[in-house]
Amino acid sequence: MRAISMIIPALLLFAAPAFAEDEETCPDAVTTVDIVECLTETYEDWDARLNTAYRAAIEPLEGERRTQFRDVQRTWIAYRDASCGYYRSGEGTIAAIEGNSCMVELTRTRAEELEGLAER
């Protein structure tokens, strides 16, 4: 029992960075299930925003430039999914939180980037 009581605080130190970001995104989420559910909803919101920004950014493009932009977006999606899949495939319940946090953060960043392009 003593060994377990020493291991748990050590594990929490490693999990702290993932939880720190999630506390800002999901301040009312307490359990792992709550956090994962909140992050999933947050991702869905950012993904909708990403899709809107993508459509606005690609709309004025033509020809090769349009094809290039489409290919870049497809490559980015493959990168995001592979990168976040890596985190999601980790050990324990923290892996679901890390994977979903990754999806939120990368999608948010890309949505904001595309919104900036659409404004030009």
PDB file of N, CA and C in Angstrom:
ATOM      1  N   MET A   1       0.825  -1.188   0.000  1.00  0.00           N
ATOM      2  CA  MET A   1       0.000   0.000   0.000  1.00  0.00           C
ATOM      3  C   MET A   1       0.869   1.251   0.000  1.00  0.00           C
ATOM      4  N   ARG A   2       1.972   1.199   0.744  1.00  0.00           N
ATOM      5  CA  ARG A   2       2.866   2.358   0.820  1.00  0.00           C
ATOM      6  C   ARG A   2       3.433   2.696  -0.561  1.00  0.00           C
ATOM      7  N   ALA A   3       3.766   1.659  -1.344  1.00  0.00           N
ATOM      8  CA  ALA A   3       4.315   1.883  -2.681  1.00  0.00           C
ATOM      9  C   ALA A   3       3.298   2.581  -3.577  1.00  0.00           C
ATOM     10  N   ILE A   4       2.051   2.185  -3.492  1.00  0.00           N
ATOM     11  CA  ILE A   4       1.007   2.819  -4.301  1.00  0.00           C
ATOM     12  C   ILE A   4       0.839   4.274  -3.904  1.00  0.00           C
ATOM     13  N   SER A   5       0.887   4.559  -2.624  1.00  0.00           N
ATOM     14  CA  SER A   5       0.719   5.944  -2.178  1.00  0.00           C
ATOM     15  C   SER A   5       1.878   6.823  -2.623  1.00  0.00           C
ATOM     16  N   MET A   6       3.017   6.228  -2.922  1.00  0.00           N
ATOM     17  CA  MET A   6       4.151   6.997  -3.429  1.00  0.00           C
ATOM     18  C   MET A   6       4.079   7.137  -4.952  1.00  0.00           C
ATOM     19  N   ILE A   7       3.520   6.154  -5.639  1.00  0.00           N
ATOM     20  CA  ILE A   7       3.454   6.166  -7.100  1.00  0.00           C
ATOM     21  C   ILE A   7       2.406   7.160  -7.602  1.00  0.00           C
ATOM     22  N   ILE A   8       1.269   7.226  -6.958  1.00  0.00           N
ATOM     23  CA  ILE A   8       0.183   8.097  -7.438  1.00  0.00           C
ATOM     24  C   ILE A   8       0.619   9.555  -7.546  1.00  0.00           C
ATOM     25  N   PRO A   9       1.245  10.160  -6.530  1.00  0.00           N
ATOM     26  CA  PRO A   9       1.694  11.550  -6.715  1.00  0.00           C
ATOM     27  C   PRO A   9       2.689  11.714  -7.858  1.00  0.00           C
ATOM     28  N   ALA A  10       3.554  10.722  -8.061  1.00  0.00           N
ATOM     29  CA  ALA A  10       4.520  10.794  -9.166  1.00  0.00           C
ATOM     30  C   ALA A  10       3.796  10.777 -10.509  1.00  0.00           C
ATOM     31  N   LEU A  11       2.798   9.931 -10.648  1.00  0.00           N
ATOM     32  CA  LEU A  11       2.024   9.890 -11.894  1.00  0.00           C
ATOM     33  C   LEU A  11       1.295  11.198 -12.135  1.00  0.00           C
ATOM     34  N   LEU A  12       0.792  11.811 -11.114  1.00  0.00           N
ATOM     35  CA  LEU A  12       0.087  13.085 -11.264  1.00  0.00           C
ATOM     36  C   LEU A  12       1.017  14.190 -11.764  1.00  0.00           C
ATOM     37  N   LEU A  13       2.292  14.107 -11.408  1.00  0.00           N
ATOM     38  CA  LEU A  13       3.250  15.087 -11.917  1.00  0.00           C
ATOM     39  C   LEU A  13       3.371  15.003 -13.431  1.00  0.00           C
ATOM     40  N   PHE A  14       3.365  13.783 -13.969  1.00  0.00           N
ATOM     41  CA  PHE A  14       3.461  13.610 -15.413  1.00  0.00           C
ATOM     42  C   PHE A  14       2.164  14.011 -16.112  1.00  0.00           C
ATOM     43  N   ALA A  15       1.044  13.810 -15.473  1.00  0.00           N
ATOM     44  CA  ALA A  15      -0.249  14.131 -16.073  1.00  0.00           C
ATOM     45  C   ALA A  15      -0.577  15.619 -15.969  1.00  0.00           C
ATOM     46  N   ALA A  16       0.086  16.341 -15.105  1.00  0.00           N
ATOM     47  CA  ALA A  16      -0.247  17.740 -14.847  1.00  0.00           C
ATOM     48  C   ALA A  16      -0.287  18.626 -16.084  1.00  0.00           C
ATOM     49  N   PRO A  17       0.677  18.541 -17.018  1.00  0.00           N
ATOM     50  CA  PRO A  17       0.599  19.414 -18.189  1.00  0.00           C
ATOM     51  C   PRO A  17      -0.670  19.201 -19.011  1.00  0.00           C
ATOM     52  N   ALA A  18      -1.096  17.959 -19.188  1.00  0.00           N
ATOM     53  CA  ALA A  18      -2.317  17.699 -19.954  1.00  0.00           C
ATOM     54  C   ALA A  18      -3.527  18.260 -19.220  1.00  0.00           C
ATOM     55  N   PHE A  19      -3.594  18.071 -17.919  1.00  0.00           N
ATOM     56  CA  PHE A  19      -4.725  18.555 -17.160  1.00  0.00           C
ATOM     57  C   PHE A  19      -4.753  20.072 -17.073  1.00  0.00           C
ATOM     58  N   ALA A  20      -3.601  20.713 -17.029  1.00  0.00           N
ATOM     59  CA  ALA A  20      -3.562  22.181 -16.909  1.00  0.00           C
ATOM     60  C   ALA A  20      -4.282  22.827 -18.079  1.00  0.00           C
ATOM     61  N   GLU A  21      -4.032  22.369 -19.294  1.00  0.00           N
ATOM     62  CA  GLU A  21      -4.699  22.924 -20.473  1.00  0.00           C
ATOM     63  C   GLU A  21      -6.183  22.597 -20.446  1.00  0.00           C
ATOM     64  N   ASP A  22      -6.518  21.386 -20.038  1.00  0.00           N
ATOM     65  CA  ASP A  22      -7.906  20.964 -20.031  1.00  0.00           C
ATOM     66  C   ASP A  22      -8.725  21.711 -18.991  1.00  0.00           C
ATOM     67  N   GLU A  23      -8.090  22.152 -17.920  1.00  0.00           N
ATOM     68  CA  GLU A  23      -8.807  22.928 -16.912  1.00  0.00           C
ATOM     69  C   GLU A  23      -9.289  24.248 -17.480  1.00  0.00           C
ATOM     70  N   GLU A  24      -8.540  24.812 -18.416  1.00  0.00           N
ATOM     71  CA  GLU A  24      -8.967  26.045 -19.060  1.00  0.00           C
ATOM     72  C   GLU A  24     -10.104  25.773 -20.033  1.00  0.00           C
ATOM     73  N   THR A  25     -10.023  24.688 -20.776  1.00  0.00           N
ATOM     74  CA  THR A  25     -11.027  24.337 -21.771  1.00  0.00           C
ATOM     75  C   THR A  25     -12.277  23.768 -21.119  1.00  0.00           C
ATOM     76  N   CYS A  26     -12.106  22.962 -20.109  1.00  0.00           N
ATOM     77  CA  CYS A  26     -13.209  22.246 -19.460  1.00  0.00           C
ATOM     78  C   CYS A  26     -13.144  22.441 -17.943  1.00  0.00           C
ATOM     79  N   PRO A  27     -13.390  23.651 -17.462  1.00  0.00           N
ATOM     80  CA  PRO A  27     -13.189  23.919 -16.035  1.00  0.00           C
ATOM     81  C   PRO A  27     -14.124  23.146 -15.105  1.00  0.00           C
ATOM     82  N   ASP A  28     -15.286  22.726 -15.599  1.00  0.00           N
ATOM     83  CA  ASP A  28     -16.235  22.021 -14.739  1.00  0.00           C
ATOM     84  C   ASP A  28     -16.101  20.504 -14.817  1.00  0.00           C
ATOM     85  N   ALA A  29     -15.267  20.014 -15.714  1.00  0.00           N
ATOM     86  CA  ALA A  29     -15.086  18.573 -15.863  1.00  0.00           C
ATOM     87  C   ALA A  29     -14.216  18.050 -14.725  1.00  0.00           C
ATOM     88  N   VAL A  30     -14.689  16.974 -14.090  1.00  0.00           N
ATOM     89  CA  VAL A  30     -13.969  16.419 -12.952  1.00  0.00           C
ATOM     90  C   VAL A  30     -13.444  15.026 -13.250  1.00  0.00           C
ATOM     91  N   THR A  31     -14.294  14.162 -13.764  1.00  0.00           N
ATOM     92  CA  THR A  31     -13.880  12.787 -14.028  1.00  0.00           C
ATOM     93  C   THR A  31     -13.257  12.689 -15.417  1.00  0.00           C
ATOM     94  N   THR A  32     -12.583  11.588 -15.651  1.00  0.00           N
ATOM     95  CA  THR A  32     -11.997  11.350 -16.972  1.00  0.00           C
ATOM     96  C   THR A  32     -13.085  11.361 -18.042  1.00  0.00           C
ATOM     97  N   VAL A  33     -14.199  10.730 -17.757  1.00  0.00           N
ATOM     98  CA  VAL A  33     -15.309  10.693 -18.713  1.00  0.00           C
ATOM     99  C   VAL A  33     -15.794  12.115 -19.013  1.00  0.00           C
ATOM    100  N   ASP A  34     -15.941  12.939 -17.979  1.00  0.00           N
ATOM    101  CA  ASP A  34     -16.371  14.334 -18.165  1.00  0.00           C
ATOM    102  C   ASP A  34     -15.379  15.104 -19.023  1.00  0.00           C
ATOM    103  N   ILE A  35     -14.100  14.921 -18.748  1.00  0.00           N
ATOM    104  CA  ILE A  35     -13.057  15.643 -19.479  1.00  0.00           C
ATOM    105  C   ILE A  35     -13.053  15.218 -20.948  1.00  0.00           C
ATOM    106  N   VAL A  36     -13.113  13.915 -21.198  1.00  0.00           N
ATOM    107  CA  VAL A  36     -13.115  13.414 -22.575  1.00  0.00           C
ATOM    108  C   VAL A  36     -14.351  13.910 -23.316  1.00  0.00           C
ATOM    109  N   GLU A  37     -15.501  13.873 -22.673  1.00  0.00           N
ATOM    110  CA  GLU A  37     -16.739  14.343 -23.302  1.00  0.00           C
ATOM    111  C   GLU A  37     -16.663  15.837 -23.624  1.00  0.00           C
ATOM    112  N   CYS A  38     -16.163  16.623 -22.690  1.00  0.00           N
ATOM    113  CA  CYS A  38     -16.026  18.059 -22.910  1.00  0.00           C
ATOM    114  C   CYS A  38     -15.045  18.340 -24.046  1.00  0.00           C
ATOM    115  N   LEU A  39     -13.920  17.647 -24.049  1.00  0.00           N
ATOM    116  CA  LEU A  39     -12.933  17.843 -25.114  1.00  0.00           C
ATOM    117  C   LEU A  39     -13.482  17.424 -26.471  1.00  0.00           C
ATOM    118  N   THR A  40     -14.285  16.376 -26.493  1.00  0.00           N
ATOM    119  CA  THR A  40     -14.911  15.950 -27.747  1.00  0.00           C
ATOM    120  C   THR A  40     -15.837  17.038 -28.275  1.00  0.00           C
ATOM    121  N   GLU A  41     -16.650  17.602 -27.404  1.00  0.00           N
ATOM    122  CA  GLU A  41     -17.555  18.686 -27.809  1.00  0.00           C
ATOM    123  C   GLU A  41     -16.769  19.911 -28.263  1.00  0.00           C
ATOM    124  N   THR A  42     -15.702  20.226 -27.557  1.00  0.00           N
ATOM    125  CA  THR A  42     -14.869  21.374 -27.920  1.00  0.00           C
ATOM    126  C   THR A  42     -14.221  21.145 -29.278  1.00  0.00           C
ATOM    127  N   TYR A  43     -13.729  19.922 -29.500  1.00  0.00           N
ATOM    128  CA  TYR A  43     -13.153  19.581 -30.807  1.00  0.00           C
ATOM    129  C   TYR A  43     -14.194  19.745 -31.912  1.00  0.00           C
ATOM    130  N   GLU A  44     -15.392  19.255 -31.693  1.00  0.00           N
ATOM    131  CA  GLU A  44     -16.443  19.353 -32.716  1.00  0.00           C
ATOM    132  C   GLU A  44     -16.738  20.810 -33.068  1.00  0.00           C
ATOM    133  N   ASP A  45     -16.733  21.685 -32.062  1.00  0.00           N
ATOM    134  CA  ASP A  45     -16.943  23.116 -32.319  1.00  0.00           C
ATOM    135  C   ASP A  45     -15.809  23.689 -33.173  1.00  0.00           C
ATOM    136  N   TRP A  46     -14.567  23.359 -32.798  1.00  0.00           N
ATOM    137  CA  TRP A  46     -13.422  23.858 -33.567  1.00  0.00           C
ATOM    138  C   TRP A  46     -13.377  23.250 -34.961  1.00  0.00           C
ATOM    139  N   ASP A  47     -13.773  21.999 -35.095  1.00  0.00           N
ATOM    140  CA  ASP A  47     -13.777  21.357 -36.404  1.00  0.00           C
ATOM    141  C   ASP A  47     -14.794  22.033 -37.331  1.00  0.00           C
ATOM    142  N   ALA A  48     -15.949  22.391 -36.800  1.00  0.00           N
ATOM    143  CA  ALA A  48     -16.946  23.117 -37.603  1.00  0.00           C
ATOM    144  C   ALA A  48     -16.381  24.467 -38.034  1.00  0.00           C
ATOM    145  N   ARG A  49     -15.705  25.129 -37.111  1.00  0.00           N
ATOM    146  CA  ARG A  49     -15.087  26.423 -37.425  1.00  0.00           C
ATOM    147  C   ARG A  49     -13.982  26.261 -38.471  1.00  0.00           C
ATOM    148  N   LEU A  50     -13.215  25.183 -38.347  1.00  0.00           N
ATOM    149  CA  LEU A  50     -12.166  24.874 -39.319  1.00  0.00           C
ATOM    150  C   LEU A  50     -12.762  24.676 -40.713  1.00  0.00           C
ATOM    151  N   ASN A  51     -13.833  23.924 -40.801  1.00  0.00           N
ATOM    152  CA  ASN A  51     -14.456  23.663 -42.096  1.00  0.00           C
ATOM    153  C   ASN A  51     -15.006  24.939 -42.728  1.00  0.00           C
ATOM    154  N   THR A  52     -15.584  25.803 -41.926  1.00  0.00           N
ATOM    155  CA  THR A  52     -16.081  27.089 -42.422  1.00  0.00           C
ATOM    156  C   THR A  52     -14.923  27.941 -42.933  1.00  0.00           C
ATOM    157  N   ALA A  53     -13.845  27.989 -42.170  1.00  0.00           N
ATOM    158  CA  ALA A  53     -12.678  28.781 -42.560  1.00  0.00           C
ATOM    159  C   ALA A  53     -12.033  28.208 -43.820  1.00  0.00           C
ATOM    160  N   TYR A  54     -11.983  26.882 -43.930  1.00  0.00           N
ATOM    161  CA  TYR A  54     -11.414  26.243 -45.122  1.00  0.00           C
ATOM    162  C   TYR A  54     -12.214  26.633 -46.363  1.00  0.00           C
ATOM    163  N   ARG A  55     -13.524  26.525 -46.271  1.00  0.00           N
ATOM    164  CA  ARG A  55     -14.368  26.884 -47.416  1.00  0.00           C
ATOM    165  C   ARG A  55     -14.176  28.348 -47.810  1.00  0.00           C
ATOM    166  N   ALA A  56     -14.071  29.225 -46.832  1.00  0.00           N
ATOM    167  CA  ALA A  56     -13.875  30.649 -47.120  1.00  0.00           C
ATOM    168  C   ALA A  56     -12.505  30.916 -47.729  1.00  0.00           C
ATOM    169  N   ALA A  57     -11.487  30.181 -47.276  1.00  0.00           N
ATOM    170  CA  ALA A  57     -10.126  30.399 -47.774  1.00  0.00           C
ATOM    171  C   ALA A  57      -9.927  29.829 -49.172  1.00  0.00           C
ATOM    172  N   ILE A  58     -10.575  28.718 -49.480  1.00  0.00           N
ATOM    173  CA  ILE A  58     -10.367  28.089 -50.788  1.00  0.00           C
ATOM    174  C   ILE A  58     -11.266  28.703 -51.867  1.00  0.00           C
ATOM    175  N   GLU A  59     -12.359  29.283 -51.473  1.00  0.00           N
ATOM    176  CA  GLU A  59     -13.359  29.788 -52.422  1.00  0.00           C
ATOM    177  C   GLU A  59     -12.782  30.712 -53.498  1.00  0.00           C
ATOM    178  N   PRO A  60     -11.921  31.684 -53.169  1.00  0.00           N
ATOM    179  CA  PRO A  60     -11.421  32.569 -54.218  1.00  0.00           C
ATOM    180  C   PRO A  60     -10.277  31.985 -55.058  1.00  0.00           C
ATOM    181  N   LEU A  61      -9.742  30.845 -54.646  1.00  0.00           N
ATOM    182  CA  LEU A  61      -8.604  30.265 -55.349  1.00  0.00           C
ATOM    183  C   LEU A  61      -9.053  29.537 -56.609  1.00  0.00           C
ATOM    184  N   GLU A  62      -8.161  29.509 -57.589  1.00  0.00           N
ATOM    185  CA  GLU A  62      -8.466  28.832 -58.847  1.00  0.00           C
ATOM    186  C   GLU A  62      -7.283  27.981 -59.295  1.00  0.00           C
ATOM    187  N   GLY A  63      -7.588  27.017 -60.153  1.00  0.00           N
ATOM    188  CA  GLY A  63      -6.556  26.230 -60.811  1.00  0.00           C
ATOM    189  C   GLY A  63      -5.603  25.523 -59.872  1.00  0.00           C
ATOM    190  N   GLU A  64      -4.314  25.635 -60.218  1.00  0.00           N
ATOM    191  CA  GLU A  64      -3.264  24.946 -59.468  1.00  0.00           C
ATOM    192  C   GLU A  64      -3.199  25.415 -58.021  1.00  0.00           C
ATOM    193  N   ARG A  65      -3.434  26.690 -57.800  1.00  0.00           N
ATOM    194  CA  ARG A  65      -3.394  27.232 -56.425  1.00  0.00           C
ATOM    195  C   ARG A  65      -4.476  26.572 -55.568  1.00  0.00           C
ATOM    196  N   ARG A  66      -5.652  26.379 -56.123  1.00  0.00           N
ATOM    197  CA  ARG A  66      -6.754  25.733 -55.413  1.00  0.00           C
ATOM    198  C   ARG A  66      -6.403  24.271 -55.112  1.00  0.00           C
ATOM    199  N   THR A  67      -5.849  23.580 -56.103  1.00  0.00           N
ATOM    200  CA  THR A  67      -5.450  22.184 -55.926  1.00  0.00           C
ATOM    201  C   THR A  67      -4.375  22.069 -54.852  1.00  0.00           C
ATOM    202  N   GLN A  68      -3.411  22.961 -54.887  1.00  0.00           N
ATOM    203  CA  GLN A  68      -2.348  22.969 -53.875  1.00  0.00           C
ATOM    204  C   GLN A  68      -2.927  23.153 -52.476  1.00  0.00           C
ATOM    205  N   PHE A  69      -3.822  24.109 -52.343  1.00  0.00           N
ATOM    206  CA  PHE A  69      -4.422  24.402 -51.039  1.00  0.00           C
ATOM    207  C   PHE A  69      -5.196  23.190 -50.520  1.00  0.00           C
ATOM    208  N   ARG A  70      -5.957  22.557 -51.401  1.00  0.00           N
ATOM    209  CA  ARG A  70      -6.710  21.359 -51.024  1.00  0.00           C
ATOM    210  C   ARG A  70      -5.756  20.256 -50.560  1.00  0.00           C
ATOM    211  N   ASP A  71      -4.658  20.054 -51.293  1.00  0.00           N
ATOM    212  CA  ASP A  71      -3.690  19.023 -50.948  1.00  0.00           C
ATOM    213  C   ASP A  71      -2.999  19.319 -49.615  1.00  0.00           C
ATOM    214  N   VAL A  72      -2.707  20.578 -49.388  1.00  0.00           N
ATOM    215  CA  VAL A  72      -2.099  20.972 -48.104  1.00  0.00           C
ATOM    216  C   VAL A  72      -3.043  20.636 -46.952  1.00  0.00           C
ATOM    217  N   GLN A  73      -4.313  20.943 -47.133  1.00  0.00           N
ATOM    218  CA  GLN A  73      -5.284  20.667 -46.073  1.00  0.00           C
ATOM    219  C   GLN A  73      -5.413  19.164 -45.829  1.00  0.00           C
ATOM    220  N   ARG A  74      -5.437  18.390 -46.876  1.00  0.00           N
ATOM    221  CA  ARG A  74      -5.522  16.932 -46.715  1.00  0.00           C
ATOM    222  C   ARG A  74      -4.286  16.383 -46.000  1.00  0.00           C
ATOM    223  N   THR A  75      -3.125  16.925 -46.335  1.00  0.00           N
ATOM    224  CA  THR A  75      -1.889  16.509 -45.670  1.00  0.00           C
ATOM    225  C   THR A  75      -1.918  16.909 -44.203  1.00  0.00           C
ATOM    226  N   TRP A  76      -2.407  18.112 -43.924  1.00  0.00           N
ATOM    227  CA  TRP A  76      -2.499  18.571 -42.534  1.00  0.00           C
ATOM    228  C   TRP A  76      -3.429  17.660 -41.744  1.00  0.00           C
ATOM    229  N   ILE A  77      -4.568  17.285 -42.311  1.00  0.00           N
ATOM    230  CA  ILE A  77      -5.511  16.400 -41.615  1.00  0.00           C
ATOM    231  C   ILE A  77      -4.845  15.053 -41.309  1.00  0.00           C
ATOM    232  N   ALA A  78      -4.112  14.511 -42.269  1.00  0.00           N
ATOM    233  CA  ALA A  78      -3.404  13.242 -42.040  1.00  0.00           C
ATOM    234  C   ALA A  78      -2.383  13.389 -40.915  1.00  0.00           C
ATOM    235  N   TYR A  79      -1.655  14.523 -40.912  1.00  0.00           N
ATOM    236  CA  TYR A  79      -0.688  14.783 -39.840  1.00  0.00           C
ATOM    237  C   TYR A  79      -1.387  14.861 -38.486  1.00  0.00           C
ATOM    238  N   ARG A  80      -2.459  15.657 -38.417  1.00  0.00           N
ATOM    239  CA  ARG A  80      -3.181  15.827 -37.149  1.00  0.00           C
ATOM    240  C   ARG A  80      -3.674  14.490 -36.628  1.00  0.00           C
ATOM    241  N   ASP A  81      -4.306  13.727 -37.499  1.00  0.00           N
ATOM    242  CA  ASP A  81      -4.867  12.450 -37.073  1.00  0.00           C
ATOM    243  C   ASP A  81      -3.783  11.476 -36.616  1.00  0.00           C
ATOM    244  N   ALA A  82      -2.660  11.443 -37.317  1.00  0.00           N
ATOM    245  CA  ALA A  82      -1.564  10.546 -36.927  1.00  0.00           C
ATOM    246  C   ALA A  82      -0.924  10.999 -35.620  1.00  0.00           C
ATOM    247  N   SER A  83      -0.684  12.295 -35.507  1.00  0.00           N
ATOM    248  CA  SER A  83      -0.055  12.823 -34.304  1.00  0.00           C
ATOM    249  C   SER A  83      -0.928  12.585 -33.072  1.00  0.00           C
ATOM    250  N   CYS A  84      -2.192  12.922 -33.173  1.00  0.00           N
ATOM    251  CA  CYS A  84      -3.089  12.758 -32.033  1.00  0.00           C
ATOM    252  C   CYS A  84      -3.390  11.282 -31.776  1.00  0.00           C
ATOM    253  N   GLY A  85      -3.381  10.475 -32.831  1.00  0.00           N
ATOM    254  CA  GLY A  85      -3.532   9.035 -32.654  1.00  0.00           C
ATOM    255  C   GLY A  85      -2.416   8.445 -31.821  1.00  0.00           C
ATOM    256  N   TYR A  86      -1.219   9.001 -31.992  1.00  0.00           N
ATOM    257  CA  TYR A  86      -0.082   8.558 -31.181  1.00  0.00           C
ATOM    258  C   TYR A  86      -0.370   8.784 -29.698  1.00  0.00           C
ATOM    259  N   TYR A  87      -0.841   9.976 -29.356  1.00  0.00           N
ATOM    260  CA  TYR A  87      -1.146  10.268 -27.950  1.00  0.00           C
ATOM    261  C   TYR A  87      -2.295   9.408 -27.446  1.00  0.00           C
ATOM    262  N   ARG A  88      -3.297   9.199 -28.277  1.00  0.00           N
ATOM    263  CA  ARG A  88      -4.472   8.424 -27.894  1.00  0.00           C
ATOM    264  C   ARG A  88      -4.111   6.951 -27.667  1.00  0.00           C
ATOM    265  N   SER A  89      -3.044   6.479 -28.274  1.00  0.00           N
ATOM    266  CA  SER A  89      -2.685   5.062 -28.161  1.00  0.00           C
ATOM    267  C   SER A  89      -1.844   4.766 -26.926  1.00  0.00           C
ATOM    268  N   GLY A  90      -1.632   5.756 -26.090  1.00  0.00           N
ATOM    269  CA  GLY A  90      -0.827   5.554 -24.890  1.00  0.00           C
ATOM    270  C   GLY A  90      -1.517   4.678 -23.861  1.00  0.00           C
ATOM    271  N   GLU A  91      -0.864   4.532 -22.756  1.00  0.00           N
ATOM    272  CA  GLU A  91      -1.352   3.683 -21.672  1.00  0.00           C
ATOM    273  C   GLU A  91      -2.336   4.419 -20.777  1.00  0.00           C
ATOM    274  N   GLY A  92      -3.326   3.700 -20.306  1.00  0.00           N
ATOM    275  CA  GLY A  92      -4.233   4.204 -19.289  1.00  0.00           C
ATOM    276  C   GLY A  92      -5.268   5.194 -19.795  1.00  0.00           C
ATOM    277  N   THR A  93      -6.061   5.668 -18.861  1.00  0.00           N
ATOM    278  CA  THR A  93      -7.156   6.571 -19.213  1.00  0.00           C
ATOM    279  C   THR A  93      -6.667   7.960 -19.604  1.00  0.00           C
ATOM    280  N   ILE A  94      -5.472   8.320 -19.202  1.00  0.00           N
ATOM    281  CA  ILE A  94      -4.935   9.633 -19.566  1.00  0.00           C
ATOM    282  C   ILE A  94      -4.745   9.735 -21.080  1.00  0.00           C
ATOM    283  N   ALA A  95      -4.569   8.603 -21.755  1.00  0.00           N
ATOM    284  CA  ALA A  95      -4.349   8.609 -23.200  1.00  0.00           C
ATOM    285  C   ALA A  95      -5.538   9.204 -23.945  1.00  0.00           C
ATOM    286  N   ALA A  96      -6.748   8.928 -23.493  1.00  0.00           N
ATOM    287  CA  ALA A  96      -7.938   9.501 -24.143  1.00  0.00           C
ATOM    288  C   ALA A  96      -7.955  11.017 -23.978  1.00  0.00           C
ATOM    289  N   ILE A  97      -7.565  11.486 -22.814  1.00  0.00           N
ATOM    290  CA  ILE A  97      -7.515  12.927 -22.565  1.00  0.00           C
ATOM    291  C   ILE A  97      -6.429  13.563 -23.422  1.00  0.00           C
ATOM    292  N   GLU A  98      -5.252  12.962 -23.451  1.00  0.00           N
ATOM    293  CA  GLU A  98      -4.154  13.507 -24.247  1.00  0.00           C
ATOM    294  C   GLU A  98      -4.494  13.524 -25.733  1.00  0.00           C
ATOM    295  N   GLY A  99      -5.114  12.450 -26.226  1.00  0.00           N
ATOM    296  CA  GLY A  99      -5.500  12.384 -27.635  1.00  0.00           C
ATOM    297  C   GLY A  99      -6.528  13.444 -27.990  1.00  0.00           C
ATOM    298  N   ASN A 100      -7.536  13.605 -27.149  1.00  0.00           N
ATOM    299  CA  ASN A 100      -8.563  14.607 -27.405  1.00  0.00           C
ATOM    300  C   ASN A 100      -8.019  16.026 -27.242  1.00  0.00           C
ATOM    301  N   SER A 101      -7.142  16.231 -26.276  1.00  0.00           N
ATOM    302  CA  SER A 101      -6.509  17.546 -26.109  1.00  0.00           C
ATOM    303  C   SER A 101      -5.724  17.918 -27.354  1.00  0.00           C
ATOM    304  N   CYS A 102      -5.022  16.946 -27.903  1.00  0.00           N
ATOM    305  CA  CYS A 102      -4.253  17.156 -29.121  1.00  0.00           C
ATOM    306  C   CYS A 102      -5.176  17.562 -30.265  1.00  0.00           C
ATOM    307  N   MET A 103      -6.288  16.859 -30.438  1.00  0.00           N
ATOM    308  CA  MET A 103      -7.242  17.179 -31.505  1.00  0.00           C
ATOM    309  C   MET A 103      -7.771  18.602 -31.350  1.00  0.00           C
ATOM    310  N   VAL A 104      -8.088  18.980 -30.129  1.00  0.00           N
ATOM    311  CA  VAL A 104      -8.596  20.342 -29.882  1.00  0.00           C
ATOM    312  C   VAL A 104      -7.527  21.367 -30.233  1.00  0.00           C
ATOM    313  N   GLU A 105      -6.333  21.182 -29.710  1.00  0.00           N
ATOM    314  CA  GLU A 105      -5.284  22.185 -29.891  1.00  0.00           C
ATOM    315  C   GLU A 105      -4.868  22.329 -31.347  1.00  0.00           C
ATOM    316  N   LEU A 106      -4.621  21.232 -32.033  1.00  0.00           N
ATOM    317  CA  LEU A 106      -4.192  21.323 -33.428  1.00  0.00           C
ATOM    318  C   LEU A 106      -5.305  21.875 -34.320  1.00  0.00           C
ATOM    319  N   THR A 107      -6.532  21.463 -34.070  1.00  0.00           N
ATOM    320  CA  THR A 107      -7.657  21.944 -34.878  1.00  0.00           C
ATOM    321  C   THR A 107      -7.910  23.426 -34.626  1.00  0.00           C
ATOM    322  N   ARG A 108      -7.823  23.839 -33.373  1.00  0.00           N
ATOM    323  CA  ARG A 108      -7.990  25.262 -33.033  1.00  0.00           C
ATOM    324  C   ARG A 108      -6.934  26.108 -33.747  1.00  0.00           C
ATOM    325  N   THR A 109      -5.696  25.675 -33.677  1.00  0.00           N
ATOM    326  CA  THR A 109      -4.601  26.419 -34.295  1.00  0.00           C
ATOM    327  C   THR A 109      -4.784  26.523 -35.805  1.00  0.00           C
ATOM    328  N   ARG A 110      -5.162  25.415 -36.437  1.00  0.00           N
ATOM    329  CA  ARG A 110      -5.355  25.427 -37.900  1.00  0.00           C
ATOM    330  C   ARG A 110      -6.576  26.262 -38.288  1.00  0.00           C
ATOM    331  N   ALA A 111      -7.649  26.179 -37.515  1.00  0.00           N
ATOM    332  CA  ALA A 111      -8.844  26.982 -37.805  1.00  0.00           C
ATOM    333  C   ALA A 111      -8.507  28.465 -37.757  1.00  0.00           C
ATOM    334  N   GLU A 112      -7.770  28.862 -36.741  1.00  0.00           N
ATOM    335  CA  GLU A 112      -7.386  30.272 -36.627  1.00  0.00           C
ATOM    336  C   GLU A 112      -6.473  30.693 -37.778  1.00  0.00           C
ATOM    337  N   GLU A 113      -5.578  29.801 -38.190  1.00  0.00           N
ATOM    338  CA  GLU A 113      -4.704  30.083 -39.327  1.00  0.00           C
ATOM    339  C   GLU A 113      -5.534  30.292 -40.602  1.00  0.00           C
ATOM    340  N   LEU A 114      -6.476  29.381 -40.854  1.00  0.00           N
ATOM    341  CA  LEU A 114      -7.301  29.491 -42.060  1.00  0.00           C
ATOM    342  C   LEU A 114      -8.228  30.703 -42.002  1.00  0.00           C
ATOM    343  N   GLU A 115      -8.699  31.046 -40.827  1.00  0.00           N
ATOM    344  CA  GLU A 115      -9.521  32.257 -40.691  1.00  0.00           C
ATOM    345  C   GLU A 115      -8.705  33.480 -41.091  1.00  0.00           C
ATOM    346  N   GLY A 116      -7.440  33.492 -40.729  1.00  0.00           N
ATOM    347  CA  GLY A 116      -6.556  34.595 -41.130  1.00  0.00           C
ATOM    348  C   GLY A 116      -6.369  34.640 -42.634  1.00  0.00           C
ATOM    349  N   LEU A 117      -6.242  33.478 -43.270  1.00  0.00           N
ATOM    350  CA  LEU A 117      -6.096  33.432 -44.729  1.00  0.00           C
ATOM    351  C   LEU A 117      -7.382  33.899 -45.415  1.00  0.00           C
ATOM    352  N   ALA A 118      -8.503  33.534 -44.866  1.00  0.00           N
ATOM    353  CA  ALA A 118      -9.791  33.893 -45.473  1.00  0.00           C
ATOM    354  C   ALA A 118     -10.033  35.390 -45.401  1.00  0.00           C
ATOM    355  N   GLU A 119      -9.432  36.056 -44.432  1.00  0.00           N
ATOM    356  CA  GLU A 119      -9.613  37.504 -44.264  1.00  0.00           C
ATOM    357  C   GLU A 119      -8.799  38.310 -45.253  1.00  0.00           C
ATOM    358  N   ARG A 120      -7.836  37.709 -45.912  1.00  0.00           N
ATOM    359  CA  ARG A 120      -6.959  38.438 -46.840  1.00  0.00           C
ATOM    360  C   ARG A 120      -7.664  38.845 -48.081  1.00  0.00           C
TER     361      ARG A 120
END
